[in-house]
Protein backbone atom coordinates (compact mmCIF):
# COMPACT_ATOMS: atom_id res chain seq x y z
CA UNK A 1 0.00 0.00 0.00
CA UNK A 2 1.41 3.40 -0.94
CA UNK A 3 1.56 6.21 1.61
CA UNK A 4 -0.96 8.21 -0.46
CA UNK A 5 -3.61 5.58 0.34
CA UNK A 6 -3.06 5.73 4.12
CA UNK A 7 -5.52 7.95 5.96
CA UNK A 8 -6.23 8.44 9.66
CA UNK A 9 -9.66 7.12 10.62
CA UNK A 10 -11.16 9.27 13.40
CA UNK A 11 -13.16 7.59 16.15
CA UNK A 12 -16.77 8.46 16.85
CA UNK A 13 -15.80 8.65 20.51
CA UNK A 14 -13.55 11.65 21.14
CA UNK A 15 -11.15 12.25 23.98
CA UNK A 16 -13.52 14.44 25.99
CA UNK A 17 -15.99 11.53 25.96
CA UNK A 18 -13.33 9.32 27.50
CA UNK A 19 -12.47 11.99 30.07
CA UNK A 20 -16.11 12.15 31.17
CA UNK A 21 -16.31 8.37 31.37
CA UNK A 22 -13.08 8.04 33.37
CA UNK A 23 -13.50 11.24 35.38
CA UNK A 24 -9.87 12.19 34.74
CA UNK A 25 -7.70 13.43 31.91
CA UNK A 26 -4.99 11.42 30.20
CA UNK A 27 -1.32 12.10 29.59
CA UNK A 28 2.04 10.37 29.43
CA UNK A 29 4.37 10.55 32.40
CA UNK A 30 7.72 10.12 30.66
CA UNK A 31 10.31 9.06 33.24
CA UNK A 32 13.92 9.47 32.13
CA UNK A 33 17.15 8.88 34.01
CA UNK A 34 20.16 6.64 34.38
CA UNK A 35 19.85 2.91 34.89
CA UNK A 36 19.40 2.38 38.62
CA UNK A 37 17.96 5.85 39.24
CA UNK A 38 14.63 4.33 40.29
CA UNK A 39 12.48 4.88 37.20
CA UNK A 40 10.77 1.47 37.12
CA UNK A 41 10.18 1.36 40.86
CA UNK A 42 8.65 4.82 40.73
CA UNK A 43 6.59 4.05 37.62
CA UNK A 44 4.89 1.03 39.17
CA UNK A 45 4.26 2.90 42.43
CA UNK A 46 2.65 5.74 40.46
CA UNK A 47 0.48 3.21 38.63
CA UNK A 48 -0.59 1.67 41.96
CA UNK A 49 -1.49 5.02 43.50
CA UNK A 50 -3.40 6.11 40.40
CA UNK A 51 -5.28 2.82 40.49
CA UNK A 52 -6.18 3.53 44.13
CA UNK A 53 -7.59 6.86 42.94
CA UNK A 54 -9.75 5.07 40.33
CA UNK A 55 -7.55 6.44 37.57
CA UNK A 56 -6.88 4.31 34.49
CA UNK A 57 -3.09 4.01 34.19
CA UNK A 58 -0.59 1.60 32.66
CA UNK A 59 3.20 1.29 32.83
CA UNK A 60 5.24 0.88 29.67
CA UNK A 61 8.57 -0.27 31.09
CA UNK A 62 11.78 -0.31 29.07
CA UNK A 63 12.75 -3.90 29.78
CA UNK A 64 9.19 -5.16 29.28
CA UNK A 65 8.86 -3.45 25.91
CA UNK A 66 12.16 -4.90 24.72
CA UNK A 67 10.81 -8.39 25.45
CA UNK A 68 8.18 -7.98 22.75
CA UNK A 69 7.46 -4.91 20.63
CA UNK A 70 11.08 -3.80 20.43
CA UNK A 71 12.93 -7.10 20.75
CA UNK A 72 14.50 -6.51 17.34
CA UNK A 73 16.36 -3.41 18.51
CA UNK A 74 19.81 -3.08 20.06
CA UNK A 75 21.38 -0.12 21.84
CA UNK A 76 23.12 1.88 19.13
CA UNK A 77 22.06 5.56 18.90
CA UNK A 78 19.85 4.83 15.87
CA UNK A 79 18.23 1.84 17.56
CA UNK A 80 17.67 3.80 20.76
CA UNK A 81 15.99 6.50 18.67
CA UNK A 82 13.68 3.95 17.05
CA UNK A 83 12.96 2.39 20.45
CA UNK A 84 11.82 5.79 21.73
CA UNK A 85 9.83 6.58 18.58
CA UNK A 86 7.88 3.32 18.78
CA UNK A 87 7.08 3.63 22.46
CA UNK A 88 6.05 7.27 22.03
CA UNK A 89 3.60 6.23 19.32
CA UNK A 90 2.20 3.46 21.54
CA UNK A 91 1.97 5.80 24.54
CA UNK A 92 0.17 8.35 22.38
CA UNK A 93 -2.47 5.75 21.55
CA UNK A 94 -2.89 5.06 25.29
CA UNK A 95 -3.33 8.77 25.92
CA UNK A 96 -5.89 9.02 23.13
CA UNK A 97 -7.74 6.13 24.78
CA UNK A 98 -8.01 8.19 27.97
CA UNK A 99 -5.31 6.34 29.92
CA UNK A 100 -2.43 7.80 31.92
CA UNK A 101 0.58 6.11 30.35
CA UNK A 102 3.65 5.88 32.56
CA UNK A 103 6.89 5.17 30.70
CA UNK A 104 10.17 4.15 32.30
CA UNK A 105 12.98 4.44 29.75
CA UNK A 106 16.50 5.74 30.05
CA UNK A 107 15.89 7.69 26.79
CA UNK A 108 19.35 9.23 27.08
CA UNK A 109 19.29 11.73 24.23
CA UNK A 110 17.49 15.09 24.42
CA UNK A 111 16.77 15.04 20.70
CA UNK A 112 14.99 11.70 21.03
CA UNK A 113 12.91 12.91 23.99
CA UNK A 114 12.05 16.07 22.04
CA UNK A 115 11.01 13.88 19.12
CA UNK A 116 8.82 11.85 21.48
CA UNK A 117 7.25 15.03 22.86
CA UNK A 118 6.46 16.25 19.35
CA UNK A 119 4.22 13.22 18.77
CA UNK A 120 1.81 14.32 21.51
CA UNK A 121 -0.67 17.17 21.74
CA UNK A 122 0.46 20.10 23.86
CA UNK A 123 0.06 19.27 27.54
CA UNK A 124 -0.08 15.51 27.01
CA UNK A 125 3.66 14.91 27.54
CA UNK A 126 5.00 15.32 31.08
CA UNK A 127 8.74 14.74 31.21
CA UNK A 128 9.96 13.57 34.61
CA UNK A 129 13.70 13.59 35.24
CA UNK A 130 14.55 10.95 37.84
CA UNK A 131 17.77 12.58 38.93
CA UNK A 132 20.40 10.40 40.53
CA UNK A 133 24.19 10.62 40.45
CA UNK A 134 26.15 8.05 38.49
CA UNK A 135 28.00 7.05 41.65
CA UNK A 136 24.73 6.30 43.45
CA UNK A 137 23.33 4.40 40.48
CA UNK A 138 26.51 2.32 40.40
CA UNK A 139 26.28 1.72 44.13
CA UNK A 140 22.72 0.45 43.73
CA UNK A 141 23.39 -1.45 40.47
CA UNK A 142 20.26 -3.63 40.95
CA UNK A 143 20.89 -5.66 37.80
CA UNK A 144 24.68 -5.77 37.96
CA UNK A 145 24.88 -3.90 34.67
CA UNK A 146 27.38 -1.25 35.70
CA UNK A 147 29.87 -3.88 36.82
CA UNK A 148 29.57 -5.59 33.45
CA UNK A 149 29.85 -2.27 31.61
CA UNK A 150 32.99 -1.33 33.56
CA UNK A 151 34.77 -4.49 32.43
CA UNK A 152 33.56 -4.22 28.85
CA UNK A 153 30.98 -7.00 28.91
CA UNK A 154 28.25 -4.53 27.93
CA UNK A 155 29.01 -2.03 25.18
CA UNK A 156 27.32 1.34 24.66
CA UNK A 157 26.06 1.42 28.24
CA UNK A 158 24.57 4.76 29.25
CA UNK A 159 26.67 6.65 31.74
CA UNK A 160 29.77 4.51 31.14
CA UNK A 161 30.46 4.07 27.43
CA UNK A 162 27.49 6.02 26.08
CA UNK A 163 26.25 9.48 27.08
CA UNK A 164 23.24 10.56 29.09
CA UNK A 165 21.96 14.05 28.35
CA UNK A 166 19.93 15.37 31.30
CA UNK A 167 16.71 17.24 30.49
CA UNK A 168 16.70 21.03 30.56
CA UNK A 169 12.96 21.79 30.20
CA UNK A 170 11.39 18.92 32.13
CA UNK A 171 8.06 19.41 33.90
CA UNK A 172 9.13 17.56 37.06
CA UNK A 173 12.46 16.66 38.66
CA UNK A 174 12.53 13.81 41.15
CA UNK A 175 15.72 13.69 43.22
CA UNK A 176 15.71 9.98 43.97
CA UNK A 177 18.81 10.15 46.20
CA UNK A 178 17.02 12.58 48.51
CA UNK A 179 13.36 11.57 48.33
CA UNK A 180 11.68 8.33 49.32
CA UNK A 181 9.55 6.56 46.72
CA UNK A 182 6.43 7.70 48.60
CA UNK A 183 7.59 11.33 48.59
CA UNK A 184 8.40 11.08 44.89
CA UNK A 185 4.95 9.70 44.06
CA UNK A 186 3.34 12.48 46.10
CA UNK A 187 5.29 15.10 44.16
CA UNK A 188 4.02 13.70 40.86
CA UNK A 189 0.42 13.34 42.06
CA UNK A 190 0.50 16.91 43.35
CA UNK A 191 1.54 18.05 39.87
CA UNK A 192 -1.32 16.12 38.24
CA UNK A 193 -3.83 17.53 40.72
CA UNK A 194 -2.60 21.11 40.40
CA UNK A 195 -2.76 20.94 36.60
CA UNK A 196 -6.23 19.34 36.63
CA UNK A 197 -5.36 15.97 35.16
CA UNK A 198 -7.06 14.28 38.08
CA UNK A 199 -10.65 15.17 39.01
CA UNK A 200 -11.24 12.71 41.84
CA UNK A 201 -8.79 12.90 44.72
């Protein structure tokens, strides 16, 4: 099929209909940070708390996505870019469905995160920088990846042999060395409440 024959088919049900049904707005909470910074832990805790608030939410975790949708991709800059593009497109569909999508990806390059943001409507993309020093991430090293990267068993590992570019215009910064997981979740929920994403609290 040629591109000229591809058209977007609009739904009869629009986003405001889904908002009224769910009694909350939708968005993507895009968590970015070094491996070991606490992104996945925080993402699943956010999902749990949103569930407790009767909010429809779902976590798209980096490792989980690479088990299926993106299992054909490696970790070169181009493959990382495609990894982010695909998950942004999937997350955008979740947002259109009225769901709060929570993503937990290193997404190390600013240009790739900006590309992801550009896929969403204004206000739908909330970038959350899970800030944690490299030394602390290495100390935690929950998967033993830093040790392997240091001895060359893992190539192109972010923070060791590949760069991480911290956000500069993020909506939220979570200092995971200073805050507990509970305090971090509260900071994010407070943002969602203040900006009227959540109606029922």
